[in-house]
Amino acid sequence: MKLKLSMLSVFVAVVGILSFISLVVAIGTDFWYIIDASRLEKITNFSDPLSSHSGLWRMCKFKNKCLPLINPFRLGNLNFTDSQKQLLSMHGTLVILLPLSLILMIFGGMTGFVSILARAYLLLLLTGMLFLFGALVTLTGISIYIAYSAAAFKDAVCILGNKILEDIDIQFGWSLALAWISFITEILTGIAFLVAARVTGLKRRRREQVI
């Protein structure tokens, strides 16, 4: 039983750290969405690069400086269409959810460290549920981003037309892949804490039976 709990402790430490680092890197990098317009640039001979990649906070043109995205919390008196307001609302939601997931992981890491040292059943159970809730928050943020990207693409089609977009390759980048990795490892961490809670509970019952 001790060996099993020790193995679980090592496992939750590894996957928990991996989940945290993956989400930190994902949030801080600008490769969530990649627009490759190299074919269109060759056809039009446009001097300014059209290709770009973007993250949660800014958009970067290749070989050029990055520009911050519109702050969804400071719209002021600017006039936006309904679709633009919807995009800003979605953007504002996801930039809250993903950092919130990081906060939950930090709190879960602290409670998890204490619960493993103390072999506290209820604290292990609470930590497992906390990580699973954090995974749900991460998944919600990722899902909103995918929906946000689809809505932005739909707006682009309405403005530019399908013909121009035929020469542009659009795809999700490795930053989003890291967010998915964080979600999966967050789930594994939560499940491992729940298993550790069960192991601790069974061990306590056996002690009570012996006494």
N, C-alpha and C. Protein backbone atom coordinates (compact mmCIF):
# COMPACT_ATOMS: atom_id res chain seq x y z
N MET A 1 0.82 -1.21 0.00
CA MET A 1 0.00 0.00 0.00
C MET A 1 0.86 1.26 0.00
N LYS A 2 1.92 1.25 0.78
CA LYS A 2 2.82 2.41 0.83
C LYS A 2 3.47 2.65 -0.51
N LEU A 3 3.86 1.53 -1.16
CA LEU A 3 4.50 1.64 -2.47
C LEU A 3 3.53 2.24 -3.48
N LYS A 4 2.28 1.80 -3.41
CA LYS A 4 1.29 2.29 -4.35
C LYS A 4 1.04 3.78 -4.14
N LEU A 5 0.93 4.20 -2.90
CA LEU A 5 0.70 5.61 -2.61
C LEU A 5 1.92 6.45 -3.00
N SER A 6 3.11 5.90 -2.82
CA SER A 6 4.33 6.62 -3.23
C SER A 6 4.39 6.79 -4.74
N MET A 7 3.99 5.75 -5.46
CA MET A 7 3.97 5.84 -6.92
C MET A 7 2.95 6.87 -7.38
N LEU A 8 1.80 6.90 -6.72
CA LEU A 8 0.79 7.89 -7.05
C LEU A 8 1.28 9.31 -6.78
N SER A 9 2.04 9.47 -5.70
CA SER A 9 2.58 10.79 -5.35
C SER A 9 3.53 11.29 -6.43
N VAL A 10 4.38 10.39 -6.92
CA VAL A 10 5.31 10.76 -7.99
C VAL A 10 4.54 11.08 -9.26
N PHE A 11 3.52 10.28 -9.55
CA PHE A 11 2.73 10.47 -10.77
C PHE A 11 2.02 11.82 -10.76
N VAL A 12 1.34 12.15 -9.64
CA VAL A 12 0.60 13.42 -9.58
C VAL A 12 1.56 14.61 -9.65
N ALA A 13 2.76 14.45 -9.11
CA ALA A 13 3.74 15.53 -9.17
C ALA A 13 4.18 15.79 -10.61
N VAL A 14 4.45 14.70 -11.34
CA VAL A 14 4.93 14.84 -12.73
C VAL A 14 3.85 15.41 -13.63
N VAL A 15 2.65 14.79 -13.61
CA VAL A 15 1.60 15.25 -14.52
C VAL A 15 1.05 16.60 -14.10
N GLY A 16 1.04 16.87 -12.80
CA GLY A 16 0.58 18.18 -12.33
C GLY A 16 1.49 19.30 -12.80
N ILE A 17 2.80 19.10 -12.68
CA ILE A 17 3.76 20.10 -13.15
C ILE A 17 3.68 20.26 -14.66
N LEU A 18 3.54 19.12 -15.37
CA LEU A 18 3.42 19.16 -16.83
C LEU A 18 2.19 19.95 -17.25
N SER A 19 1.08 19.73 -16.56
CA SER A 19 -0.16 20.44 -16.87
C SER A 19 0.00 21.93 -16.66
N PHE A 20 0.60 22.31 -15.56
CA PHE A 20 0.78 23.72 -15.24
C PHE A 20 1.69 24.41 -16.26
N ILE A 21 2.84 23.79 -16.54
CA ILE A 21 3.80 24.38 -17.48
C ILE A 21 3.19 24.50 -18.87
N SER A 22 2.48 23.46 -19.30
CA SER A 22 1.87 23.47 -20.64
C SER A 22 0.89 24.63 -20.78
N LEU A 23 0.06 24.85 -19.75
CA LEU A 23 -0.92 25.93 -19.84
C LEU A 23 -0.27 27.30 -19.75
N VAL A 24 0.78 27.43 -18.92
CA VAL A 24 1.50 28.70 -18.84
C VAL A 24 2.10 29.07 -20.20
N VAL A 25 2.76 28.09 -20.84
CA VAL A 25 3.38 28.33 -22.14
C VAL A 25 2.31 28.63 -23.19
N ALA A 26 1.20 27.88 -23.13
CA ALA A 26 0.11 28.09 -24.10
C ALA A 26 -0.45 29.50 -23.99
N ILE A 27 -0.72 29.94 -22.77
CA ILE A 27 -1.29 31.28 -22.57
C ILE A 27 -0.30 32.37 -22.97
N GLY A 28 0.97 32.14 -22.75
CA GLY A 28 1.98 33.18 -23.00
C GLY A 28 2.52 33.24 -24.41
N THR A 29 2.18 32.26 -25.26
CA THR A 29 2.71 32.25 -26.62
C THR A 29 1.64 32.66 -27.63
N ASP A 30 2.07 32.93 -28.86
CA ASP A 30 1.19 33.52 -29.87
C ASP A 30 1.00 32.62 -31.08
N PHE A 31 0.86 31.33 -30.83
CA PHE A 31 0.66 30.39 -31.94
C PHE A 31 -0.60 29.55 -31.73
N TRP A 32 -1.66 30.22 -31.30
CA TRP A 32 -2.96 29.55 -31.19
C TRP A 32 -3.60 29.42 -32.58
N TYR A 33 -3.39 30.43 -33.40
CA TYR A 33 -4.05 30.50 -34.71
C TYR A 33 -3.03 31.01 -35.73
N ILE A 34 -2.85 30.26 -36.79
CA ILE A 34 -1.83 30.61 -37.79
C ILE A 34 -2.49 30.82 -39.14
N ILE A 35 -2.19 31.96 -39.76
CA ILE A 35 -2.68 32.28 -41.09
C ILE A 35 -1.49 32.35 -42.05
N ASP A 36 -1.43 31.40 -42.96
CA ASP A 36 -0.33 31.34 -43.94
C ASP A 36 -0.86 31.85 -45.29
N ALA A 37 -0.44 33.09 -45.63
CA ALA A 37 -0.90 33.72 -46.87
C ALA A 37 0.24 33.83 -47.88
N SER A 38 1.19 32.91 -47.82
CA SER A 38 2.36 32.98 -48.71
C SER A 38 1.96 32.86 -50.17
N ARG A 39 0.97 32.01 -50.45
CA ARG A 39 0.53 31.87 -51.85
C ARG A 39 -0.13 33.15 -52.35
N LEU A 40 -0.93 33.77 -51.50
CA LEU A 40 -1.59 35.02 -51.89
C LEU A 40 -0.56 36.14 -52.06
N GLU A 41 0.48 36.14 -51.24
CA GLU A 41 1.53 37.16 -51.35
C GLU A 41 2.27 37.05 -52.68
N LYS A 42 2.47 35.81 -53.16
CA LYS A 42 3.15 35.61 -54.44
C LYS A 42 2.28 36.07 -55.60
N ILE A 43 0.97 35.84 -55.47
CA ILE A 43 0.06 36.22 -56.55
C ILE A 43 -0.08 37.74 -56.64
N THR A 44 -0.21 38.39 -55.50
CA THR A 44 -0.48 39.83 -55.48
C THR A 44 0.80 40.67 -55.45
N ASN A 45 1.94 40.04 -55.14
CA ASN A 45 3.22 40.76 -54.98
C ASN A 45 3.10 41.89 -53.96
N PHE A 46 2.35 41.64 -52.92
CA PHE A 46 2.13 42.63 -51.88
C PHE A 46 3.38 42.75 -51.02
N SER A 47 3.86 43.97 -50.82
CA SER A 47 5.12 44.17 -50.10
C SER A 47 5.00 43.84 -48.61
N ASP A 48 3.87 44.22 -48.01
CA ASP A 48 3.67 43.98 -46.58
C ASP A 48 3.22 42.54 -46.37
N PRO A 49 3.88 41.75 -45.49
CA PRO A 49 3.49 40.34 -45.29
C PRO A 49 2.06 40.21 -44.77
N LEU A 50 1.33 39.27 -45.36
CA LEU A 50 -0.05 39.04 -44.98
C LEU A 50 -0.19 37.90 -43.97
N SER A 51 0.81 37.02 -43.94
CA SER A 51 0.77 35.89 -43.01
C SER A 51 0.90 36.38 -41.57
N SER A 52 0.23 35.70 -40.68
CA SER A 52 0.27 36.11 -39.28
C SER A 52 0.00 34.92 -38.37
N HIS A 53 0.30 35.11 -37.11
CA HIS A 53 -0.07 34.12 -36.09
C HIS A 53 -0.50 34.90 -34.86
N SER A 54 -1.44 34.35 -34.11
CA SER A 54 -2.01 35.10 -32.99
C SER A 54 -2.17 34.22 -31.76
N GLY A 55 -2.20 34.90 -30.61
CA GLY A 55 -2.42 34.23 -29.34
C GLY A 55 -3.67 34.80 -28.67
N LEU A 56 -3.70 34.74 -27.37
CA LEU A 56 -4.86 35.26 -26.64
C LEU A 56 -4.79 36.77 -26.48
N TRP A 57 -3.58 37.32 -26.58
CA TRP A 57 -3.41 38.73 -26.24
C TRP A 57 -2.98 39.60 -27.42
N ARG A 58 -2.39 39.01 -28.45
CA ARG A 58 -1.88 39.83 -29.55
C ARG A 58 -1.81 39.04 -30.85
N MET A 59 -1.64 39.77 -31.95
CA MET A 59 -1.48 39.18 -33.27
C MET A 59 -0.13 39.61 -33.82
N CYS A 60 0.59 38.68 -34.41
CA CYS A 60 1.93 38.96 -34.91
C CYS A 60 2.01 38.65 -36.40
N LYS A 61 2.50 39.60 -37.16
CA LYS A 61 2.80 39.33 -38.57
C LYS A 61 4.22 38.77 -38.65
N PHE A 62 4.40 37.78 -39.50
CA PHE A 62 5.70 37.16 -39.62
C PHE A 62 6.75 38.21 -40.01
N LYS A 63 7.88 38.19 -39.29
CA LYS A 63 9.00 39.11 -39.50
C LYS A 63 8.65 40.55 -39.12
N ASN A 64 7.50 40.76 -38.49
CA ASN A 64 7.12 42.10 -38.05
C ASN A 64 6.78 42.08 -36.57
N LYS A 65 6.59 43.26 -35.99
CA LYS A 65 6.25 43.34 -34.58
C LYS A 65 4.81 42.87 -34.34
N CYS A 66 4.55 42.52 -33.09
CA CYS A 66 3.22 42.06 -32.70
C CYS A 66 2.36 43.25 -32.25
N LEU A 67 1.08 43.15 -32.52
CA LEU A 67 0.13 44.18 -32.12
C LEU A 67 -0.87 43.59 -31.14
N PRO A 68 -1.19 44.31 -30.07
CA PRO A 68 -2.15 43.78 -29.09
C PRO A 68 -3.54 43.71 -29.68
N LEU A 69 -4.29 42.68 -29.29
CA LEU A 69 -5.68 42.57 -29.71
C LEU A 69 -6.52 43.60 -28.95
N ILE A 70 -7.70 43.86 -29.45
CA ILE A 70 -8.59 44.82 -28.80
C ILE A 70 -8.94 44.32 -27.40
N ASN A 71 -8.78 45.20 -26.42
CA ASN A 71 -9.12 44.85 -25.05
C ASN A 71 -10.63 44.72 -24.92
N PRO A 72 -11.16 43.51 -24.64
CA PRO A 72 -12.62 43.33 -24.58
C PRO A 72 -13.26 43.99 -23.37
N PHE A 73 -12.44 44.45 -22.42
CA PHE A 73 -12.98 45.05 -21.19
C PHE A 73 -12.94 46.58 -21.22
N ARG A 74 -12.40 47.14 -22.31
CA ARG A 74 -12.31 48.60 -22.42
C ARG A 74 -12.77 49.03 -23.81
N LEU A 75 -14.04 48.90 -24.03
CA LEU A 75 -14.57 49.21 -25.35
C LEU A 75 -14.86 50.70 -25.52
N GLY A 76 -15.13 51.38 -24.41
CA GLY A 76 -15.41 52.82 -24.49
C GLY A 76 -16.68 53.07 -25.29
N ASN A 77 -16.62 54.10 -26.10
CA ASN A 77 -17.77 54.48 -26.93
C ASN A 77 -17.61 54.03 -28.38
N LEU A 78 -16.71 53.07 -28.60
CA LEU A 78 -16.48 52.60 -29.96
C LEU A 78 -17.71 51.86 -30.48
N ASN A 79 -17.96 52.02 -31.78
CA ASN A 79 -19.11 51.37 -32.40
C ASN A 79 -18.69 50.03 -32.99
N PHE A 80 -19.38 48.97 -32.60
CA PHE A 80 -19.11 47.64 -33.13
C PHE A 80 -20.41 47.02 -33.60
N THR A 81 -20.30 46.16 -34.59
CA THR A 81 -21.46 45.40 -35.04
C THR A 81 -21.79 44.32 -34.01
N ASP A 82 -22.94 43.70 -34.16
CA ASP A 82 -23.34 42.66 -33.22
C ASP A 82 -22.37 41.48 -33.24
N SER A 83 -21.92 41.12 -34.44
CA SER A 83 -20.97 40.00 -34.55
C SER A 83 -19.64 40.34 -33.89
N GLN A 84 -19.19 41.60 -34.04
CA GLN A 84 -17.95 42.01 -33.40
C GLN A 84 -18.08 42.03 -31.88
N LYS A 85 -19.23 42.46 -31.39
CA LYS A 85 -19.47 42.45 -29.95
C LYS A 85 -19.48 41.02 -29.41
N GLN A 86 -20.03 40.11 -30.20
CA GLN A 86 -20.05 38.71 -29.79
C GLN A 86 -18.63 38.16 -29.71
N LEU A 87 -17.80 38.50 -30.70
CA LEU A 87 -16.41 38.06 -30.70
C LEU A 87 -15.65 38.60 -29.50
N LEU A 88 -15.87 39.87 -29.20
CA LEU A 88 -15.19 40.48 -28.05
C LEU A 88 -15.65 39.85 -26.74
N SER A 89 -16.94 39.53 -26.66
CA SER A 89 -17.47 38.87 -25.47
C SER A 89 -16.85 37.49 -25.28
N MET A 90 -16.72 36.73 -26.36
CA MET A 90 -16.11 35.41 -26.30
C MET A 90 -14.64 35.51 -25.93
N HIS A 91 -13.96 36.49 -26.51
CA HIS A 91 -12.54 36.70 -26.21
C HIS A 91 -12.35 37.05 -24.74
N GLY A 92 -13.21 37.92 -24.23
CA GLY A 92 -13.13 38.31 -22.82
C GLY A 92 -13.36 37.14 -21.89
N THR A 93 -14.26 36.23 -22.30
CA THR A 93 -14.55 35.06 -21.46
C THR A 93 -13.37 34.10 -21.41
N LEU A 94 -12.76 33.83 -22.56
CA LEU A 94 -11.68 32.84 -22.58
C LEU A 94 -10.41 33.36 -21.92
N VAL A 95 -10.15 34.68 -21.97
CA VAL A 95 -8.95 35.20 -21.31
C VAL A 95 -9.13 35.28 -19.79
N ILE A 96 -10.36 35.05 -19.33
CA ILE A 96 -10.61 34.92 -17.89
C ILE A 96 -10.51 33.46 -17.47
N LEU A 97 -11.09 32.57 -18.26
CA LEU A 97 -11.17 31.16 -17.89
C LEU A 97 -9.80 30.48 -17.81
N LEU A 98 -8.95 30.70 -18.81
CA LEU A 98 -7.67 29.99 -18.84
C LEU A 98 -6.74 30.42 -17.70
N PRO A 99 -6.58 31.73 -17.41
CA PRO A 99 -5.81 32.09 -16.22
C PRO A 99 -6.45 31.58 -14.93
N LEU A 100 -7.79 31.52 -14.90
CA LEU A 100 -8.47 30.97 -13.72
C LEU A 100 -8.08 29.52 -13.50
N SER A 101 -7.94 28.77 -14.59
CA SER A 101 -7.52 27.38 -14.49
C SER A 101 -6.12 27.28 -13.89
N LEU A 102 -5.24 28.22 -14.25
CA LEU A 102 -3.90 28.25 -13.65
C LEU A 102 -3.97 28.49 -12.15
N ILE A 103 -4.82 29.40 -11.75
CA ILE A 103 -4.99 29.70 -10.31
C ILE A 103 -5.49 28.46 -9.57
N LEU A 104 -6.45 27.76 -10.17
CA LEU A 104 -6.96 26.54 -9.55
C LEU A 104 -5.87 25.48 -9.42
N MET A 105 -5.01 25.40 -10.43
CA MET A 105 -3.91 24.43 -10.37
C MET A 105 -2.91 24.78 -9.28
N ILE A 106 -2.63 26.07 -9.12
CA ILE A 106 -1.71 26.50 -8.06
C ILE A 106 -2.28 26.14 -6.69
N PHE A 107 -3.56 26.46 -6.49
CA PHE A 107 -4.21 26.15 -5.23
C PHE A 107 -4.28 24.64 -5.02
N GLY A 108 -4.59 23.90 -6.09
CA GLY A 108 -4.65 22.45 -6.01
C GLY A 108 -3.29 21.84 -5.71
N GLY A 109 -2.24 22.44 -6.27
CA GLY A 109 -0.90 21.95 -5.98
C GLY A 109 -0.53 22.10 -4.52
N MET A 110 -0.92 23.22 -3.93
CA MET A 110 -0.62 23.45 -2.50
C MET A 110 -1.40 22.49 -1.61
N THR A 111 -2.70 22.35 -1.88
CA THR A 111 -3.50 21.43 -1.07
C THR A 111 -3.08 19.98 -1.31
N GLY A 112 -2.68 19.68 -2.54
CA GLY A 112 -2.24 18.33 -2.85
C GLY A 112 -0.96 17.96 -2.13
N PHE A 113 -0.02 18.90 -2.05
CA PHE A 113 1.24 18.66 -1.35
C PHE A 113 0.99 18.36 0.12
N VAL A 114 0.12 19.17 0.74
CA VAL A 114 -0.20 18.97 2.15
C VAL A 114 -0.94 17.66 2.37
N SER A 115 -1.89 17.35 1.48
CA SER A 115 -2.70 16.14 1.64
C SER A 115 -1.88 14.87 1.50
N ILE A 116 -0.89 14.89 0.60
CA ILE A 116 -0.04 13.71 0.43
C ILE A 116 0.86 13.51 1.64
N LEU A 117 1.41 14.59 2.17
CA LEU A 117 2.26 14.48 3.36
C LEU A 117 1.46 14.02 4.57
N ALA A 118 0.24 14.56 4.71
CA ALA A 118 -0.58 14.23 5.87
C ALA A 118 -1.39 12.96 5.68
N ARG A 119 -1.42 12.43 4.46
CA ARG A 119 -2.26 11.26 4.16
C ARG A 119 -3.71 11.52 4.57
N ALA A 120 -4.19 12.73 4.26
CA ALA A 120 -5.52 13.16 4.66
C ALA A 120 -6.53 12.80 3.58
N TYR A 121 -7.45 11.92 3.91
CA TYR A 121 -8.43 11.41 2.93
C TYR A 121 -9.27 12.53 2.33
N LEU A 122 -9.89 13.34 3.18
CA LEU A 122 -10.78 14.39 2.70
C LEU A 122 -10.05 15.43 1.86
N LEU A 123 -8.83 15.76 2.26
CA LEU A 123 -8.05 16.75 1.52
C LEU A 123 -7.61 16.20 0.17
N LEU A 124 -7.27 14.91 0.12
CA LEU A 124 -6.93 14.26 -1.15
C LEU A 124 -8.15 14.26 -2.08
N LEU A 125 -9.30 13.96 -1.51
CA LEU A 125 -10.54 13.94 -2.29
C LEU A 125 -10.87 15.33 -2.81
N LEU A 126 -10.73 16.34 -1.96
CA LEU A 126 -11.00 17.72 -2.35
C LEU A 126 -10.05 18.17 -3.46
N THR A 127 -8.76 17.79 -3.34
CA THR A 127 -7.77 18.17 -4.35
C THR A 127 -8.09 17.53 -5.69
N GLY A 128 -8.48 16.26 -5.67
CA GLY A 128 -8.85 15.59 -6.91
C GLY A 128 -10.01 16.26 -7.60
N MET A 129 -11.03 16.62 -6.82
CA MET A 129 -12.20 17.30 -7.39
C MET A 129 -11.83 18.69 -7.89
N LEU A 130 -10.89 19.34 -7.21
CA LEU A 130 -10.45 20.67 -7.62
C LEU A 130 -9.74 20.62 -8.98
N PHE A 131 -8.89 19.61 -9.16
CA PHE A 131 -8.19 19.46 -10.44
C PHE A 131 -9.16 19.10 -11.57
N LEU A 132 -10.15 18.28 -11.27
CA LEU A 132 -11.14 17.94 -12.28
C LEU A 132 -11.98 19.16 -12.66
N PHE A 133 -12.30 19.98 -11.67
CA PHE A 133 -13.03 21.22 -11.96
C PHE A 133 -12.15 22.16 -12.79
N GLY A 134 -10.86 22.23 -12.46
CA GLY A 134 -9.94 23.05 -13.25
C GLY A 134 -9.84 22.56 -14.68
N ALA A 135 -9.86 21.23 -14.87
CA ALA A 135 -9.83 20.66 -16.22
C ALA A 135 -11.09 21.06 -16.99
N LEU A 136 -12.23 21.10 -16.30
CA LEU A 136 -13.47 21.53 -16.94
C LEU A 136 -13.39 23.00 -17.36
N VAL A 137 -12.78 23.82 -16.52
CA VAL A 137 -12.58 25.24 -16.86
C VAL A 137 -11.68 25.38 -18.08
N THR A 138 -10.59 24.59 -18.10
CA THR A 138 -9.67 24.62 -19.24
C THR A 138 -10.37 24.19 -20.52
N LEU A 139 -11.15 23.12 -20.44
CA LEU A 139 -11.88 22.63 -21.61
C LEU A 139 -12.87 23.67 -22.10
N THR A 140 -13.55 24.34 -21.18
CA THR A 140 -14.50 25.40 -21.56
C THR A 140 -13.78 26.52 -22.29
N GLY A 141 -12.61 26.92 -21.76
CA GLY A 141 -11.83 27.97 -22.41
C GLY A 141 -11.38 27.58 -23.81
N ILE A 142 -10.91 26.35 -23.96
CA ILE A 142 -10.48 25.87 -25.28
C ILE A 142 -11.66 25.83 -26.25
N SER A 143 -12.79 25.33 -25.77
CA SER A 143 -13.98 25.24 -26.63
C SER A 143 -14.44 26.62 -27.08
N ILE A 144 -14.40 27.58 -26.16
CA ILE A 144 -14.79 28.94 -26.52
C ILE A 144 -13.83 29.51 -27.56
N TYR A 145 -12.53 29.21 -27.41
CA TYR A 145 -11.56 29.72 -28.38
C TYR A 145 -11.83 29.14 -29.77
N ILE A 146 -12.14 27.85 -29.84
CA ILE A 146 -12.43 27.23 -31.13
C ILE A 146 -13.68 27.86 -31.75
N ALA A 147 -14.70 28.08 -30.92
CA ALA A 147 -15.92 28.73 -31.42
C ALA A 147 -15.63 30.17 -31.84
N TYR A 148 -14.78 30.85 -31.07
CA TYR A 148 -14.37 32.23 -31.37
C TYR A 148 -13.65 32.29 -32.71
N SER A 149 -12.76 31.33 -32.96
CA SER A 149 -12.02 31.30 -34.22
C SER A 149 -12.95 31.03 -35.40
N ALA A 150 -13.91 30.14 -35.20
CA ALA A 150 -14.87 29.84 -36.26
C ALA A 150 -15.73 31.06 -36.59
N ALA A 151 -16.14 31.79 -35.54
CA ALA A 151 -16.95 33.00 -35.77
C ALA A 151 -16.14 34.08 -36.46
N ALA A 152 -14.86 34.22 -36.08
CA ALA A 152 -13.99 35.21 -36.73
C ALA A 152 -13.77 34.85 -38.20
N PHE A 153 -13.61 33.56 -38.49
CA PHE A 153 -13.43 33.12 -39.88
C PHE A 153 -14.69 33.41 -40.70
N LYS A 154 -15.86 33.20 -40.09
CA LYS A 154 -17.12 33.47 -40.77
C LYS A 154 -17.23 34.95 -41.12
N ASP A 155 -16.81 35.81 -40.19
CA ASP A 155 -16.83 37.25 -40.47
C ASP A 155 -15.86 37.60 -41.59
N ALA A 156 -14.70 36.95 -41.59
CA ALA A 156 -13.71 37.21 -42.64
C ALA A 156 -14.24 36.81 -44.01
N VAL A 157 -14.96 35.70 -44.07
CA VAL A 157 -15.56 35.26 -45.33
C VAL A 157 -16.56 36.28 -45.85
N CYS A 158 -17.36 36.83 -44.92
CA CYS A 158 -18.35 37.84 -45.31
C CYS A 158 -17.70 39.10 -45.84
N ILE A 159 -16.55 39.46 -45.27
CA ILE A 159 -15.87 40.71 -45.67
C ILE A 159 -15.03 40.51 -46.93
N LEU A 160 -14.24 39.44 -46.97
CA LEU A 160 -13.27 39.24 -48.05
C LEU A 160 -13.80 38.35 -49.17
N GLY A 161 -14.69 37.45 -48.84
CA GLY A 161 -15.20 36.51 -49.83
C GLY A 161 -14.38 35.22 -49.85
N ASN A 162 -15.00 34.16 -50.38
CA ASN A 162 -14.35 32.84 -50.40
C ASN A 162 -13.17 32.78 -51.35
N LYS A 163 -13.19 33.59 -52.41
CA LYS A 163 -12.16 33.47 -53.44
C LYS A 163 -10.78 33.81 -52.90
N ILE A 164 -10.68 34.88 -52.12
CA ILE A 164 -9.38 35.27 -51.55
C ILE A 164 -8.92 34.24 -50.53
N LEU A 165 -9.85 33.73 -49.74
CA LEU A 165 -9.48 32.79 -48.69
C LEU A 165 -9.04 31.44 -49.23
N GLU A 166 -9.33 31.16 -50.53
CA GLU A 166 -8.88 29.91 -51.13
C GLU A 166 -7.35 29.85 -51.18
N ASP A 167 -6.70 30.99 -51.25
CA ASP A 167 -5.24 31.05 -51.33
C ASP A 167 -4.59 31.25 -49.96
N ILE A 168 -5.36 31.09 -48.90
CA ILE A 168 -4.84 31.27 -47.54
C ILE A 168 -5.04 29.98 -46.74
N ASP A 169 -3.98 29.52 -46.12
CA ASP A 169 -4.06 28.34 -45.26
C ASP A 169 -4.22 28.79 -43.81
N ILE A 170 -5.29 28.33 -43.18
CA ILE A 170 -5.58 28.70 -41.80
C ILE A 170 -5.61 27.44 -40.95
N GLN A 171 -4.89 27.46 -39.85
CA GLN A 171 -4.86 26.28 -38.98
C GLN A 171 -4.57 26.69 -37.54
N PHE A 172 -4.93 25.81 -36.62
CA PHE A 172 -4.59 26.02 -35.23
C PHE A 172 -3.12 25.65 -35.02
N GLY A 173 -2.49 26.35 -34.06
CA GLY A 173 -1.06 26.17 -33.83
C GLY A 173 -0.74 25.34 -32.60
N TRP A 174 0.56 25.29 -32.30
CA TRP A 174 1.04 24.43 -31.21
C TRP A 174 0.67 24.99 -29.83
N SER A 175 0.36 26.27 -29.74
CA SER A 175 -0.07 26.82 -28.45
C SER A 175 -1.38 26.17 -28.01
N LEU A 176 -2.30 25.98 -28.96
CA LEU A 176 -3.56 25.32 -28.66
C LEU A 176 -3.32 23.85 -28.31
N ALA A 177 -2.35 23.22 -29.00
CA ALA A 177 -2.02 21.82 -28.69
C ALA A 177 -1.52 21.69 -27.25
N LEU A 178 -0.74 22.66 -26.79
CA LEU A 178 -0.27 22.65 -25.40
C LEU A 178 -1.43 22.79 -24.42
N ALA A 179 -2.43 23.59 -24.79
CA ALA A 179 -3.61 23.74 -23.94
C ALA A 179 -4.35 22.41 -23.82
N TRP A 180 -4.42 21.67 -24.92
CA TRP A 180 -5.05 20.35 -24.89
C TRP A 180 -4.26 19.40 -24.00
N ILE A 181 -2.93 19.45 -24.10
CA ILE A 181 -2.08 18.62 -23.25
C ILE A 181 -2.32 18.95 -21.78
N SER A 182 -2.43 20.24 -21.48
CA SER A 182 -2.69 20.67 -20.11
C SER A 182 -4.02 20.12 -19.62
N PHE A 183 -5.03 20.16 -20.48
CA PHE A 183 -6.36 19.64 -20.11
C PHE A 183 -6.30 18.15 -19.78
N ILE A 184 -5.62 17.39 -20.63
CA ILE A 184 -5.54 15.94 -20.43
C ILE A 184 -4.77 15.61 -19.16
N THR A 185 -3.63 16.25 -18.96
CA THR A 185 -2.83 15.96 -17.76
C THR A 185 -3.51 16.46 -16.49
N GLU A 186 -4.31 17.50 -16.63
CA GLU A 186 -5.08 17.99 -15.48
C GLU A 186 -6.12 16.96 -15.03
N ILE A 187 -6.75 16.32 -16.01
CA ILE A 187 -7.69 15.25 -15.70
C ILE A 187 -6.97 14.08 -15.02
N LEU A 188 -5.81 13.70 -15.58
CA LEU A 188 -5.04 12.60 -15.00
C LEU A 188 -4.63 12.91 -13.57
N THR A 189 -4.26 14.16 -13.32
CA THR A 189 -3.87 14.57 -11.96
C THR A 189 -5.05 14.44 -11.00
N GLY A 190 -6.21 14.91 -11.43
CA GLY A 190 -7.40 14.82 -10.60
C GLY A 190 -7.77 13.37 -10.29
N ILE A 191 -7.73 12.52 -11.32
CA ILE A 191 -8.06 11.10 -11.12
C ILE A 191 -7.06 10.45 -10.17
N ALA A 192 -5.78 10.78 -10.33
CA ALA A 192 -4.74 10.21 -9.47
C ALA A 192 -4.96 10.61 -8.01
N PHE A 193 -5.37 11.84 -7.76
CA PHE A 193 -5.66 12.26 -6.38
C PHE A 193 -6.87 11.52 -5.82
N LEU A 194 -7.87 11.27 -6.66
CA LEU A 194 -9.03 10.51 -6.20
C LEU A 194 -8.65 9.07 -5.86
N VAL A 195 -7.77 8.49 -6.69
CA VAL A 195 -7.29 7.13 -6.41
C VAL A 195 -6.48 7.13 -5.11
N ALA A 196 -5.65 8.16 -4.93
CA ALA A 196 -4.88 8.26 -3.69
C ALA A 196 -5.79 8.39 -2.47
N ALA A 197 -6.89 9.12 -2.64
CA ALA A 197 -7.85 9.24 -1.55
C ALA A 197 -8.48 7.89 -1.23
N ARG A 198 -8.79 7.11 -2.25
CA ARG A 198 -9.38 5.79 -2.03
C ARG A 198 -8.38 4.87 -1.33
N VAL A 199 -7.12 4.91 -1.78
CA VAL A 199 -6.08 4.09 -1.16
C VAL A 199 -5.93 4.45 0.31
N THR A 200 -5.91 5.73 0.60
CA THR A 200 -5.79 6.20 1.99
C THR A 200 -6.99 5.78 2.82
N GLY A 201 -8.19 5.88 2.23
CA GLY A 201 -9.41 5.48 2.94
C GLY A 201 -9.43 3.99 3.26
N LEU A 202 -9.01 3.15 2.31
CA LEU A 202 -8.96 1.71 2.54
C LEU A 202 -7.94 1.36 3.62
N LYS A 203 -6.83 2.05 3.58
CA LYS A 203 -5.79 1.81 4.58
C LYS A 203 -6.30 2.17 5.98
N ARG A 204 -7.04 3.26 6.08
CA ARG A 204 -7.59 3.68 7.38
C ARG A 204 -8.60 2.67 7.89
N ARG A 205 -9.44 2.14 7.00
CA ARG A 205 -10.43 1.16 7.41
C ARG A 205 -9.77 -0.13 7.93
N ARG A 206 -8.70 -0.54 7.27
CA ARG A 206 -8.00 -1.73 7.72
C ARG A 206 -7.39 -1.53 9.10
N ARG A 207 -6.88 -0.35 9.34
CA ARG A 207 -6.33 -0.06 10.67
C ARG A 207 -7.43 -0.10 11.74
N GLU A 208 -8.60 0.47 11.38
CA GLU A 208 -9.71 0.48 12.34
C GLU A 208 -10.20 -0.94 12.63
N GLN A 209 -10.19 -1.79 11.61
CA GLN A 209 -10.62 -3.17 11.80
C GLN A 209 -9.65 -3.94 12.71
N VAL A 210 -8.34 -3.65 12.55
CA VAL A 210 -7.33 -4.30 13.37
C VAL A 210 -7.49 -3.88 14.83
N ILE A 211 -7.75 -2.58 15.03
CA ILE A 211 -7.91 -2.05 16.38
C ILE A 211 -9.20 -2.60 17.02
